């Protein structure tokens, strides 16, 4: 006779079946595809208002790692930006941006966006994560589109999107630069990335 009462035995059997089913489902679930940045064919740009005129800039050095799974549960996105690589096409303005009152690159060399959740939307995807600039971290949602292609026998992905940030939320603007009458608070960010699967 079993040492277990009938109810306990039934519960143990059900638990075993459930665990086996979960393991089988995990085994059947497709693994995330790991993508890394092709820097030569990728851009990270920003736009801002200065003295009533729209201006643009970009960051020349940044990295991107994307793990994208069909169910999004295992998806993640990591972006690291070298803030000293800012380029607006004006050396004097770039020097000002790197200085202590704005990006303060000597103290805060990198900005980071880390998203452990990627949500499927009607128009594409949305990366839900945290953006850190000048050691200030805020919750940010970044919409993007993503498509795959096979090029010369290799699997690649194309990721693009745009969002808007407020520079003062991240302390970008100390002293006189806190004022928004000359340099607007809103900054547009856009990206067009080519990623290679590994």
N, C-alpha and C. Protein backbone atom coordinates (compact mmCIF):
# COMPACT_ATOMS: atom_id res chain seq x y z
N UNK A 1 0.85 -1.19 0.00
CA UNK A 1 0.00 0.00 0.00
C UNK A 1 0.89 1.25 0.00
N UNK A 2 0.48 2.29 -0.75
CA UNK A 2 1.29 3.51 -0.85
C UNK A 2 1.36 4.20 0.50
N UNK A 3 2.52 4.80 0.76
CA UNK A 3 2.70 5.55 2.01
C UNK A 3 1.97 6.89 1.93
N UNK A 4 1.55 7.29 0.73
CA UNK A 4 0.88 8.56 0.54
C UNK A 4 -0.63 8.38 0.54
N UNK A 5 -1.39 9.25 1.21
CA UNK A 5 -2.85 9.24 1.08
C UNK A 5 -3.23 9.47 -0.37
N UNK A 6 -4.38 8.99 -0.81
CA UNK A 6 -4.79 9.14 -2.21
C UNK A 6 -4.73 10.58 -2.72
N UNK A 7 -5.20 11.52 -1.90
CA UNK A 7 -5.22 12.91 -2.35
C UNK A 7 -3.80 13.42 -2.57
N UNK A 8 -2.89 13.11 -1.65
CA UNK A 8 -1.50 13.54 -1.77
C UNK A 8 -0.83 12.90 -2.98
N UNK A 9 -1.15 11.63 -3.21
CA UNK A 9 -0.58 10.93 -4.36
C UNK A 9 -1.04 11.56 -5.66
N UNK A 10 -2.34 11.91 -5.72
CA UNK A 10 -2.88 12.55 -6.93
C UNK A 10 -2.22 13.91 -7.15
N UNK A 11 -2.04 14.65 -6.06
CA UNK A 11 -1.40 15.98 -6.16
C UNK A 11 0.03 15.84 -6.65
N UNK A 12 0.75 14.82 -6.15
CA UNK A 12 2.13 14.62 -6.58
C UNK A 12 2.19 14.26 -8.06
N UNK A 13 1.25 13.42 -8.51
CA UNK A 13 1.22 13.03 -9.92
C UNK A 13 0.92 14.25 -10.80
N UNK A 14 -0.03 15.07 -10.39
CA UNK A 14 -0.37 16.26 -11.17
C UNK A 14 0.81 17.23 -11.24
N UNK A 15 1.51 17.37 -10.11
CA UNK A 15 2.67 18.27 -10.08
C UNK A 15 3.76 17.77 -11.03
N UNK A 16 3.95 16.46 -11.06
CA UNK A 16 4.96 15.87 -11.95
C UNK A 16 4.60 16.10 -13.41
N UNK A 17 3.31 15.88 -13.73
CA UNK A 17 2.85 16.09 -15.11
C UNK A 17 3.00 17.55 -15.51
N UNK A 18 2.64 18.47 -14.59
CA UNK A 18 2.75 19.90 -14.89
C UNK A 18 4.19 20.31 -15.12
N UNK A 19 5.10 19.79 -14.29
CA UNK A 19 6.53 20.12 -14.43
C UNK A 19 7.06 19.59 -15.76
N UNK A 20 6.64 18.38 -16.12
CA UNK A 20 7.09 17.81 -17.39
C UNK A 20 6.57 18.63 -18.56
N UNK A 21 5.31 19.08 -18.44
CA UNK A 21 4.74 19.90 -19.52
C UNK A 21 5.45 21.23 -19.65
N UNK A 22 5.77 21.85 -18.53
CA UNK A 22 6.50 23.12 -18.56
C UNK A 22 7.87 22.96 -19.17
N UNK A 23 8.55 21.86 -18.82
CA UNK A 23 9.89 21.60 -19.38
C UNK A 23 9.81 21.38 -20.87
N UNK A 24 8.77 20.66 -21.31
CA UNK A 24 8.61 20.42 -22.75
C UNK A 24 8.31 21.71 -23.49
N UNK A 25 7.48 22.56 -22.88
CA UNK A 25 7.16 23.84 -23.51
C UNK A 25 8.40 24.72 -23.62
N UNK A 26 9.23 24.69 -22.56
CA UNK A 26 10.46 25.48 -22.59
C UNK A 26 11.41 24.96 -23.66
N UNK A 27 11.44 23.64 -23.81
CA UNK A 27 12.32 23.06 -24.83
C UNK A 27 11.84 23.41 -26.23
N UNK A 28 10.51 23.48 -26.40
CA UNK A 28 9.95 23.78 -27.71
C UNK A 28 10.01 25.27 -28.05
N UNK A 29 10.10 26.14 -27.03
CA UNK A 29 10.11 27.57 -27.26
C UNK A 29 11.37 27.98 -28.01
N UNK A 30 11.22 28.78 -29.05
CA UNK A 30 12.40 29.20 -29.80
C UNK A 30 13.29 30.11 -28.98
N UNK A 31 14.58 29.91 -29.08
CA UNK A 31 15.53 30.76 -28.36
C UNK A 31 15.57 32.14 -29.02
N UNK A 32 15.98 33.12 -28.23
CA UNK A 32 16.11 34.47 -28.77
C UNK A 32 17.26 34.53 -29.76
N UNK A 33 17.08 35.30 -30.81
CA UNK A 33 18.16 35.55 -31.77
C UNK A 33 19.00 36.71 -31.26
N UNK A 34 20.30 36.52 -31.23
CA UNK A 34 21.24 37.50 -30.68
C UNK A 34 21.79 38.36 -31.82
N UNK A 35 21.57 39.67 -31.73
CA UNK A 35 22.03 40.60 -32.75
C UNK A 35 23.02 41.59 -32.15
N UNK A 36 24.04 41.93 -32.92
CA UNK A 36 24.98 42.98 -32.52
C UNK A 36 25.07 44.02 -33.63
N UNK A 37 25.51 45.20 -33.26
CA UNK A 37 25.50 46.34 -34.16
C UNK A 37 26.54 46.24 -35.27
N UNK A 38 26.13 46.66 -36.47
CA UNK A 38 27.05 46.93 -37.57
C UNK A 38 27.27 48.44 -37.57
N UNK A 39 28.32 48.93 -36.89
CA UNK A 39 28.47 50.38 -36.69
C UNK A 39 28.66 51.17 -37.98
N UNK A 40 29.24 50.55 -39.00
CA UNK A 40 29.50 51.27 -40.24
C UNK A 40 28.22 51.61 -41.00
N UNK A 41 27.13 50.88 -40.68
CA UNK A 41 25.88 51.09 -41.40
C UNK A 41 24.73 51.42 -40.46
N UNK A 42 25.06 52.12 -39.38
CA UNK A 42 24.06 52.47 -38.37
C UNK A 42 24.22 53.92 -37.95
N UNK A 43 23.10 54.57 -37.61
CA UNK A 43 23.15 55.96 -37.17
C UNK A 43 22.29 56.16 -35.92
N UNK A 44 22.77 57.04 -35.04
CA UNK A 44 22.04 57.48 -33.86
C UNK A 44 22.09 59.00 -33.86
N UNK A 45 20.95 59.63 -34.09
CA UNK A 45 20.90 61.07 -34.29
C UNK A 45 19.96 61.74 -33.28
N UNK A 46 20.13 63.04 -33.12
CA UNK A 46 19.24 63.81 -32.26
C UNK A 46 18.98 65.17 -32.89
N UNK A 47 17.87 65.78 -32.51
CA UNK A 47 17.51 67.10 -33.00
C UNK A 47 17.09 67.98 -31.84
N UNK A 48 17.35 69.27 -31.94
CA UNK A 48 17.05 70.19 -30.85
C UNK A 48 16.85 71.59 -31.41
N UNK A 49 16.19 72.41 -30.63
CA UNK A 49 15.93 73.80 -31.01
C UNK A 49 16.92 74.72 -30.31
N UNK A 50 17.59 75.56 -31.10
CA UNK A 50 18.53 76.53 -30.54
C UNK A 50 18.30 77.88 -31.21
N UNK A 51 18.01 78.88 -30.40
CA UNK A 51 17.75 80.23 -30.90
C UNK A 51 16.68 80.22 -31.98
N UNK A 52 15.66 79.39 -31.79
CA UNK A 52 14.54 79.36 -32.71
C UNK A 52 14.77 78.54 -33.96
N UNK A 53 15.95 77.98 -34.12
CA UNK A 53 16.26 77.18 -35.31
C UNK A 53 16.42 75.71 -34.93
N UNK A 54 16.01 74.83 -35.83
CA UNK A 54 16.17 73.39 -35.59
C UNK A 54 17.58 72.97 -35.99
N UNK A 55 18.21 72.19 -35.14
CA UNK A 55 19.56 71.70 -35.37
C UNK A 55 19.59 70.19 -35.19
N UNK A 56 20.59 69.58 -35.81
CA UNK A 56 20.74 68.13 -35.71
C UNK A 56 22.15 67.77 -35.29
N UNK A 57 22.27 66.59 -34.70
CA UNK A 57 23.57 66.06 -34.34
C UNK A 57 23.51 64.54 -34.35
N UNK A 58 24.64 63.94 -34.05
CA UNK A 58 24.68 62.48 -33.98
C UNK A 58 25.79 62.05 -33.04
N UNK A 59 25.73 60.78 -32.68
CA UNK A 59 26.81 60.17 -31.91
C UNK A 59 27.52 59.19 -32.82
N UNK A 60 28.82 59.36 -32.92
CA UNK A 60 29.61 58.53 -33.85
C UNK A 60 29.95 57.16 -33.29
N UNK A 61 29.96 57.03 -31.97
CA UNK A 61 30.35 55.74 -31.36
C UNK A 61 29.29 55.29 -30.36
N UNK A 62 28.73 54.12 -30.63
CA UNK A 62 27.77 53.52 -29.72
C UNK A 62 27.69 52.03 -30.03
N UNK A 63 27.20 51.26 -29.07
CA UNK A 63 27.03 49.83 -29.26
C UNK A 63 25.57 49.46 -29.01
N UNK A 64 25.14 48.39 -29.64
CA UNK A 64 23.77 47.90 -29.46
C UNK A 64 23.78 46.38 -29.46
N UNK A 65 23.10 45.80 -28.48
CA UNK A 65 22.90 44.35 -28.43
C UNK A 65 21.41 44.10 -28.29
N UNK A 66 20.86 43.31 -29.19
CA UNK A 66 19.43 42.98 -29.18
C UNK A 66 19.26 41.47 -29.16
N UNK A 67 18.53 40.99 -28.16
CA UNK A 67 18.09 39.60 -28.14
C UNK A 67 16.59 39.61 -28.37
N UNK A 68 16.15 39.05 -29.48
CA UNK A 68 14.74 39.11 -29.84
C UNK A 68 14.17 37.70 -29.97
N UNK A 69 13.16 37.42 -29.15
CA UNK A 69 12.50 36.12 -29.15
C UNK A 69 11.08 36.27 -29.66
N UNK A 70 10.53 35.20 -30.19
CA UNK A 70 9.18 35.24 -30.76
C UNK A 70 8.14 35.62 -29.71
N UNK A 71 8.30 35.14 -28.48
CA UNK A 71 7.31 35.46 -27.44
C UNK A 71 7.69 36.70 -26.62
N UNK A 72 8.81 37.33 -26.95
CA UNK A 72 9.31 38.55 -26.31
C UNK A 72 9.72 38.36 -24.85
N UNK A 73 9.40 37.23 -24.24
CA UNK A 73 9.74 37.04 -22.83
C UNK A 73 11.25 37.03 -22.61
N UNK A 74 11.99 36.52 -23.58
CA UNK A 74 13.45 36.45 -23.45
C UNK A 74 14.14 37.59 -24.20
N UNK A 75 13.36 38.57 -24.62
CA UNK A 75 13.94 39.68 -25.40
C UNK A 75 14.56 40.72 -24.49
N UNK A 76 15.62 41.36 -24.98
CA UNK A 76 16.24 42.46 -24.25
C UNK A 76 17.00 43.34 -25.23
N UNK A 77 17.23 44.57 -24.82
CA UNK A 77 17.95 45.54 -25.64
C UNK A 77 18.90 46.32 -24.76
N UNK A 78 20.15 46.42 -25.19
CA UNK A 78 21.16 47.18 -24.45
C UNK A 78 21.87 48.12 -25.42
N UNK A 79 21.86 49.40 -25.09
CA UNK A 79 22.54 50.41 -25.92
C UNK A 79 23.48 51.22 -25.03
N UNK A 80 24.71 51.38 -25.46
CA UNK A 80 25.69 52.20 -24.73
C UNK A 80 26.26 53.24 -25.69
N UNK A 81 26.24 54.49 -25.28
CA UNK A 81 26.65 55.60 -26.14
C UNK A 81 27.88 56.28 -25.55
N UNK A 82 28.90 56.46 -26.37
CA UNK A 82 30.08 57.24 -26.00
C UNK A 82 29.73 58.71 -26.18
N UNK A 83 29.49 59.41 -25.08
CA UNK A 83 28.99 60.78 -25.15
C UNK A 83 30.02 61.76 -25.75
N UNK A 84 31.29 61.41 -25.67
CA UNK A 84 32.31 62.30 -26.23
C UNK A 84 32.29 62.28 -27.76
N UNK A 85 31.57 61.31 -28.34
CA UNK A 85 31.54 61.20 -29.81
C UNK A 85 30.46 62.07 -30.44
N UNK A 86 29.87 62.99 -29.65
CA UNK A 86 28.83 63.88 -30.18
C UNK A 86 29.38 64.71 -31.34
N UNK A 87 28.56 64.88 -32.35
CA UNK A 87 28.98 65.60 -33.57
C UNK A 87 27.78 66.35 -34.13
N UNK A 88 27.82 67.68 -34.02
CA UNK A 88 26.75 68.51 -34.59
C UNK A 88 27.23 69.27 -35.83
N UNK A 89 28.47 69.00 -36.24
CA UNK A 89 29.01 69.72 -37.39
C UNK A 89 29.58 71.08 -37.05
N UNK A 90 29.66 71.38 -35.75
CA UNK A 90 30.19 72.67 -35.29
C UNK A 90 31.11 72.37 -34.11
N UNK A 91 32.42 72.54 -34.30
CA UNK A 91 33.39 72.18 -33.27
C UNK A 91 33.18 72.94 -31.96
N UNK A 92 32.87 74.23 -32.07
CA UNK A 92 32.67 75.03 -30.86
C UNK A 92 31.45 74.54 -30.07
N UNK A 93 30.37 74.27 -30.80
CA UNK A 93 29.16 73.78 -30.13
C UNK A 93 29.38 72.39 -29.54
N UNK A 94 30.13 71.54 -30.25
CA UNK A 94 30.42 70.20 -29.72
C UNK A 94 31.22 70.28 -28.43
N UNK A 95 32.17 71.22 -28.38
CA UNK A 95 32.95 71.41 -27.16
C UNK A 95 32.07 71.85 -26.01
N UNK A 96 31.10 72.72 -26.30
CA UNK A 96 30.16 73.17 -25.27
C UNK A 96 29.30 72.03 -24.77
N UNK A 97 28.85 71.19 -25.69
CA UNK A 97 28.03 70.04 -25.30
C UNK A 97 28.80 69.07 -24.42
N UNK A 98 30.09 68.92 -24.66
CA UNK A 98 30.91 67.99 -23.87
C UNK A 98 31.25 68.56 -22.50
N UNK A 99 31.06 69.87 -22.32
CA UNK A 99 31.50 70.54 -21.10
C UNK A 99 30.63 70.18 -19.90
N UNK A 100 31.04 70.67 -18.72
CA UNK A 100 30.45 70.24 -17.45
C UNK A 100 28.97 70.58 -17.32
N UNK A 101 28.51 71.67 -17.91
CA UNK A 101 27.11 72.08 -17.74
C UNK A 101 26.13 71.29 -18.60
N UNK A 102 26.64 70.56 -19.59
CA UNK A 102 25.74 69.79 -20.46
C UNK A 102 26.04 68.30 -20.32
N UNK A 103 26.75 67.67 -21.25
CA UNK A 103 26.98 66.22 -21.14
C UNK A 103 28.01 65.85 -20.08
N UNK A 104 28.92 66.78 -19.76
CA UNK A 104 29.96 66.51 -18.74
C UNK A 104 30.66 65.19 -19.00
N UNK A 105 31.24 65.06 -20.19
CA UNK A 105 31.76 63.76 -20.62
C UNK A 105 32.96 63.28 -19.80
N UNK A 106 33.70 64.20 -19.18
CA UNK A 106 34.83 63.77 -18.36
C UNK A 106 34.36 63.01 -17.12
N UNK A 107 33.18 63.35 -16.63
CA UNK A 107 32.64 62.69 -15.45
C UNK A 107 31.65 61.58 -15.82
N UNK A 108 30.87 61.81 -16.88
CA UNK A 108 29.85 60.85 -17.30
C UNK A 108 30.12 60.46 -18.76
N UNK A 109 31.02 59.52 -18.93
CA UNK A 109 31.51 59.21 -20.27
C UNK A 109 30.48 58.52 -21.15
N UNK A 110 29.54 57.80 -20.53
CA UNK A 110 28.60 57.00 -21.31
C UNK A 110 27.17 57.26 -20.89
N UNK A 111 26.27 57.07 -21.85
CA UNK A 111 24.84 56.99 -21.57
C UNK A 111 24.41 55.57 -21.89
N UNK A 112 23.41 55.07 -21.16
CA UNK A 112 22.99 53.68 -21.36
C UNK A 112 21.47 53.58 -21.38
N UNK A 113 20.99 52.73 -22.28
CA UNK A 113 19.58 52.36 -22.27
C UNK A 113 19.51 50.85 -22.14
N UNK A 114 18.78 50.38 -21.13
CA UNK A 114 18.67 48.95 -20.87
C UNK A 114 17.20 48.58 -20.78
N UNK A 115 16.75 47.71 -21.69
CA UNK A 115 15.35 47.28 -21.71
C UNK A 115 15.28 45.78 -21.56
N UNK A 116 14.66 45.33 -20.47
CA UNK A 116 14.47 43.90 -20.24
C UNK A 116 13.09 43.45 -20.69
N UNK A 117 12.32 44.37 -21.27
CA UNK A 117 10.97 44.05 -21.76
C UNK A 117 10.79 44.68 -23.14
N UNK A 118 10.40 43.86 -24.09
CA UNK A 118 10.06 44.33 -25.43
C UNK A 118 8.65 43.88 -25.75
N UNK A 119 7.80 44.84 -26.04
CA UNK A 119 6.37 44.59 -26.24
C UNK A 119 6.03 44.70 -27.71
N UNK A 120 5.25 43.75 -28.22
CA UNK A 120 4.76 43.83 -29.60
C UNK A 120 3.61 44.82 -29.65
N UNK A 121 3.63 45.70 -30.65
CA UNK A 121 2.59 46.69 -30.82
C UNK A 121 1.99 46.56 -32.22
N UNK A 122 0.94 47.35 -32.47
CA UNK A 122 0.28 47.29 -33.77
C UNK A 122 1.22 47.73 -34.90
N UNK A 123 2.14 48.63 -34.58
CA UNK A 123 3.03 49.15 -35.62
C UNK A 123 4.45 48.60 -35.55
N UNK A 124 4.73 47.73 -34.58
CA UNK A 124 6.07 47.17 -34.46
C UNK A 124 6.35 46.67 -33.06
N UNK A 125 7.27 47.34 -32.38
CA UNK A 125 7.66 46.94 -31.04
C UNK A 125 7.84 48.19 -30.17
N UNK A 126 7.94 47.95 -28.87
CA UNK A 126 8.27 49.01 -27.93
C UNK A 126 9.22 48.43 -26.88
N UNK A 127 10.37 49.06 -26.74
CA UNK A 127 11.33 48.66 -25.72
C UNK A 127 11.05 49.45 -24.45
N UNK A 128 10.79 48.73 -23.37
CA UNK A 128 10.45 49.35 -22.08
C UNK A 128 11.66 49.17 -21.16
N UNK A 129 12.29 50.28 -20.81
CA UNK A 129 13.50 50.14 -20.01
C UNK A 129 13.90 51.42 -19.31
N UNK A 130 15.18 51.51 -18.98
CA UNK A 130 15.69 52.64 -18.22
C UNK A 130 16.85 53.29 -18.98
N UNK A 131 16.78 54.61 -19.07
CA UNK A 131 17.82 55.39 -19.73
C UNK A 131 18.59 56.15 -18.66
N UNK A 132 19.92 56.06 -18.74
CA UNK A 132 20.78 56.77 -17.79
C UNK A 132 21.68 57.74 -18.54
N UNK A 133 21.57 59.02 -18.19
CA UNK A 133 22.44 60.08 -18.72
C UNK A 133 22.90 60.91 -17.53
N UNK A 134 24.18 61.23 -17.46
CA UNK A 134 24.74 62.00 -16.34
C UNK A 134 24.40 61.34 -15.00
N UNK A 135 24.35 60.01 -15.00
CA UNK A 135 24.09 59.24 -13.78
C UNK A 135 22.67 59.44 -13.24
N UNK A 136 21.77 59.96 -14.07
CA UNK A 136 20.35 60.09 -13.72
C UNK A 136 19.58 59.08 -14.57
N UNK A 137 18.77 58.26 -13.93
CA UNK A 137 18.06 57.19 -14.62
C UNK A 137 16.56 57.46 -14.62
N UNK A 138 15.96 57.33 -15.79
CA UNK A 138 14.51 57.51 -15.95
C UNK A 138 13.93 56.33 -16.72
N UNK A 139 12.65 56.05 -16.45
CA UNK A 139 11.93 55.05 -17.23
C UNK A 139 11.61 55.62 -18.60
N UNK A 140 11.88 54.85 -19.64
CA UNK A 140 11.67 55.32 -21.02
C UNK A 140 11.07 54.19 -21.85
N UNK A 141 10.16 54.54 -22.75
CA UNK A 141 9.59 53.59 -23.70
C UNK A 141 9.99 54.04 -25.10
N UNK A 142 10.63 53.15 -25.83
CA UNK A 142 11.16 53.50 -27.16
C UNK A 142 10.46 52.64 -28.22
N UNK A 143 9.63 53.24 -29.07
CA UNK A 143 9.01 52.47 -30.15
C UNK A 143 9.99 52.24 -31.30
N UNK A 144 9.88 51.08 -31.93
CA UNK A 144 10.75 50.82 -33.07
C UNK A 144 10.13 49.77 -34.00
N UNK A 145 10.62 49.75 -35.21
CA UNK A 145 10.25 48.71 -36.15
C UNK A 145 11.47 47.81 -36.36
N UNK A 146 11.22 46.59 -36.76
CA UNK A 146 12.31 45.65 -36.95
C UNK A 146 11.95 44.69 -38.08
N UNK A 147 12.89 44.52 -38.99
CA UNK A 147 12.70 43.56 -40.07
C UNK A 147 13.99 42.78 -40.27
N UNK A 148 13.84 41.56 -40.73
CA UNK A 148 15.01 40.71 -40.97
C UNK A 148 15.23 40.52 -42.46
N UNK A 149 16.45 40.16 -42.80
CA UNK A 149 16.80 39.89 -44.19
C UNK A 149 17.99 38.94 -44.21
N UNK A 150 18.18 38.30 -45.33
CA UNK A 150 19.36 37.47 -45.53
C UNK A 150 20.22 38.13 -46.59
N UNK A 151 21.43 38.46 -46.22
CA UNK A 151 22.34 39.17 -47.13
C UNK A 151 23.66 38.41 -47.22
N UNK A 152 23.99 37.96 -48.41
CA UNK A 152 25.21 37.18 -48.65
C UNK A 152 25.27 35.97 -47.70
N UNK A 153 24.12 35.35 -47.51
CA UNK A 153 24.04 34.15 -46.69
C UNK A 153 23.99 34.39 -45.20
N UNK A 154 24.02 35.65 -44.78
CA UNK A 154 24.01 35.98 -43.36
C UNK A 154 22.67 36.60 -42.97
N UNK A 155 22.23 36.30 -41.74
CA UNK A 155 20.98 36.86 -41.23
C UNK A 155 21.26 38.23 -40.59
N UNK A 156 20.51 39.24 -41.04
CA UNK A 156 20.68 40.59 -40.50
C UNK A 156 19.31 41.14 -40.09
N UNK A 157 19.34 42.16 -39.27
CA UNK A 157 18.12 42.84 -38.86
C UNK A 157 18.26 44.34 -39.02
N UNK A 158 17.16 44.97 -39.39
CA UNK A 158 17.13 46.43 -39.52
C UNK A 158 16.15 46.99 -38.51
N UNK A 159 16.65 47.84 -37.64
CA UNK A 159 15.88 48.39 -36.52
C UNK A 159 15.87 49.91 -36.64
N UNK A 160 14.70 50.51 -36.59
CA UNK A 160 14.62 51.97 -36.69
C UNK A 160 13.49 52.49 -35.83
N UNK A 161 13.63 53.73 -35.39
CA UNK A 161 12.59 54.34 -34.57
C UNK A 161 12.96 55.74 -34.16
N UNK A 162 12.06 56.36 -33.44
CA UNK A 162 12.30 57.71 -32.93
C UNK A 162 11.52 57.91 -31.66
N UNK A 163 12.03 58.79 -30.80
CA UNK A 163 11.35 59.13 -29.57
C UNK A 163 11.74 60.55 -29.18
N UNK A 164 11.20 61.03 -28.07
CA UNK A 164 11.50 62.38 -27.60
C UNK A 164 11.86 62.34 -26.13
N UNK A 165 12.86 63.12 -25.75
CA UNK A 165 13.30 63.22 -24.35
C UNK A 165 13.31 64.68 -23.94
N UNK A 166 13.29 64.90 -22.62
CA UNK A 166 13.48 66.24 -22.08
C UNK A 166 14.85 66.29 -21.42
N UNK A 167 15.71 67.11 -21.95
CA UNK A 167 17.10 67.12 -21.50
C UNK A 167 17.24 67.44 -20.01
N UNK A 168 16.36 68.32 -19.50
CA UNK A 168 16.48 68.70 -18.09
C UNK A 168 16.10 67.56 -17.15
N UNK A 169 15.34 66.58 -17.64
CA UNK A 169 15.04 65.39 -16.83
C UNK A 169 16.30 64.62 -16.47
N UNK A 170 17.35 64.81 -17.27
CA UNK A 170 18.61 64.09 -17.06
C UNK A 170 19.73 65.04 -16.63
N UNK A 171 19.38 66.24 -16.25
CA UNK A 171 20.39 67.19 -15.78
C UNK A 171 21.26 67.76 -16.88
N UNK A 172 20.84 67.60 -18.14
CA UNK A 172 21.62 68.15 -19.26
C UNK A 172 21.22 69.62 -19.39
N UNK A 173 21.95 70.46 -18.67
CA UNK A 173 21.65 71.88 -18.63
C UNK A 173 21.78 72.39 -17.21
N UNK A 174 23.01 72.74 -16.83
CA UNK A 174 23.29 73.32 -15.53
C UNK A 174 23.60 74.80 -15.70
N UNK A 175 23.49 75.56 -14.60
CA UNK A 175 23.80 76.98 -14.69
C UNK A 175 22.90 77.69 -15.70
N UNK A 176 23.52 78.51 -16.56
CA UNK A 176 22.75 79.26 -17.57
C UNK A 176 22.02 78.34 -18.54
N UNK A 177 22.52 77.11 -18.69
CA UNK A 177 21.93 76.19 -19.66
C UNK A 177 20.63 75.56 -19.17
N UNK A 178 20.23 75.85 -17.93
CA UNK A 178 18.92 75.38 -17.47
C UNK A 178 17.77 76.12 -18.15
N UNK A 179 18.05 77.30 -18.61
CA UNK A 179 17.02 78.09 -19.30
C UNK A 179 16.67 77.43 -20.63
N UNK A 180 15.40 77.52 -21.01
CA UNK A 180 14.95 76.90 -22.26
C UNK A 180 14.56 77.92 -23.32
N UNK A 181 14.85 79.20 -23.06
CA UNK A 181 14.48 80.21 -24.07
C UNK A 181 15.41 80.18 -25.27
N UNK A 182 16.67 79.76 -25.07
CA UNK A 182 17.61 79.68 -26.18
C UNK A 182 17.77 78.24 -26.70
N UNK A 183 17.85 77.28 -25.79
CA UNK A 183 17.95 75.87 -26.17
C UNK A 183 16.74 75.15 -25.58
N UNK A 184 15.93 74.57 -26.44
CA UNK A 184 14.69 73.94 -25.99
C UNK A 184 14.93 72.74 -25.09
N UNK A 185 13.92 72.41 -24.30
CA UNK A 185 14.01 71.27 -23.40
C UNK A 185 13.80 69.95 -24.14
N UNK A 186 12.97 69.95 -25.15
CA UNK A 186 12.65 68.72 -25.89
C UNK A 186 13.76 68.39 -26.89
N UNK A 187 14.16 67.14 -26.88
CA UNK A 187 15.19 66.65 -27.80
C UNK A 187 14.63 65.41 -28.52
N UNK A 188 14.64 65.44 -29.82
CA UNK A 188 14.22 64.28 -30.59
C UNK A 188 15.38 63.32 -30.80
N UNK A 189 15.11 62.04 -30.71
CA UNK A 189 16.15 61.02 -30.91
C UNK A 189 15.65 60.05 -31.97
N UNK A 190 16.48 59.78 -32.96
CA UNK A 190 16.11 58.83 -34.01
C UNK A 190 17.29 57.90 -34.28
N UNK A 191 16.97 56.69 -34.74
CA UNK A 191 18.03 55.72 -35.00
C UNK A 191 17.63 54.83 -36.17
N UNK A 192 18.64 54.44 -36.92
CA UNK A 192 18.49 53.49 -38.02
C UNK A 192 19.67 52.54 -37.92
N UNK A 193 19.42 51.31 -37.49
CA UNK A 193 20.50 50.38 -37.15
C UNK A 193 20.48 49.15 -38.06
N UNK A 194 21.67 48.72 -38.43
CA UNK A 194 21.82 47.41 -39.08
C UNK A 194 22.49 46.50 -38.07
N UNK A 195 21.87 45.37 -37.81
CA UNK A 195 22.36 44.41 -36.81
C UNK A 195 22.63 43.08 -37.47
N UNK A 196 23.65 42.40 -37.02
CA UNK A 196 23.97 41.09 -37.56
C UNK A 196 23.71 40.01 -36.52
N UNK A 197 23.14 38.90 -36.95
CA UNK A 197 22.80 37.81 -36.04
C UNK A 197 24.04 36.98 -35.73
N UNK A 198 24.17 36.56 -34.47
CA UNK A 198 25.31 35.74 -34.05
C UNK A 198 24.82 34.56 -33.25
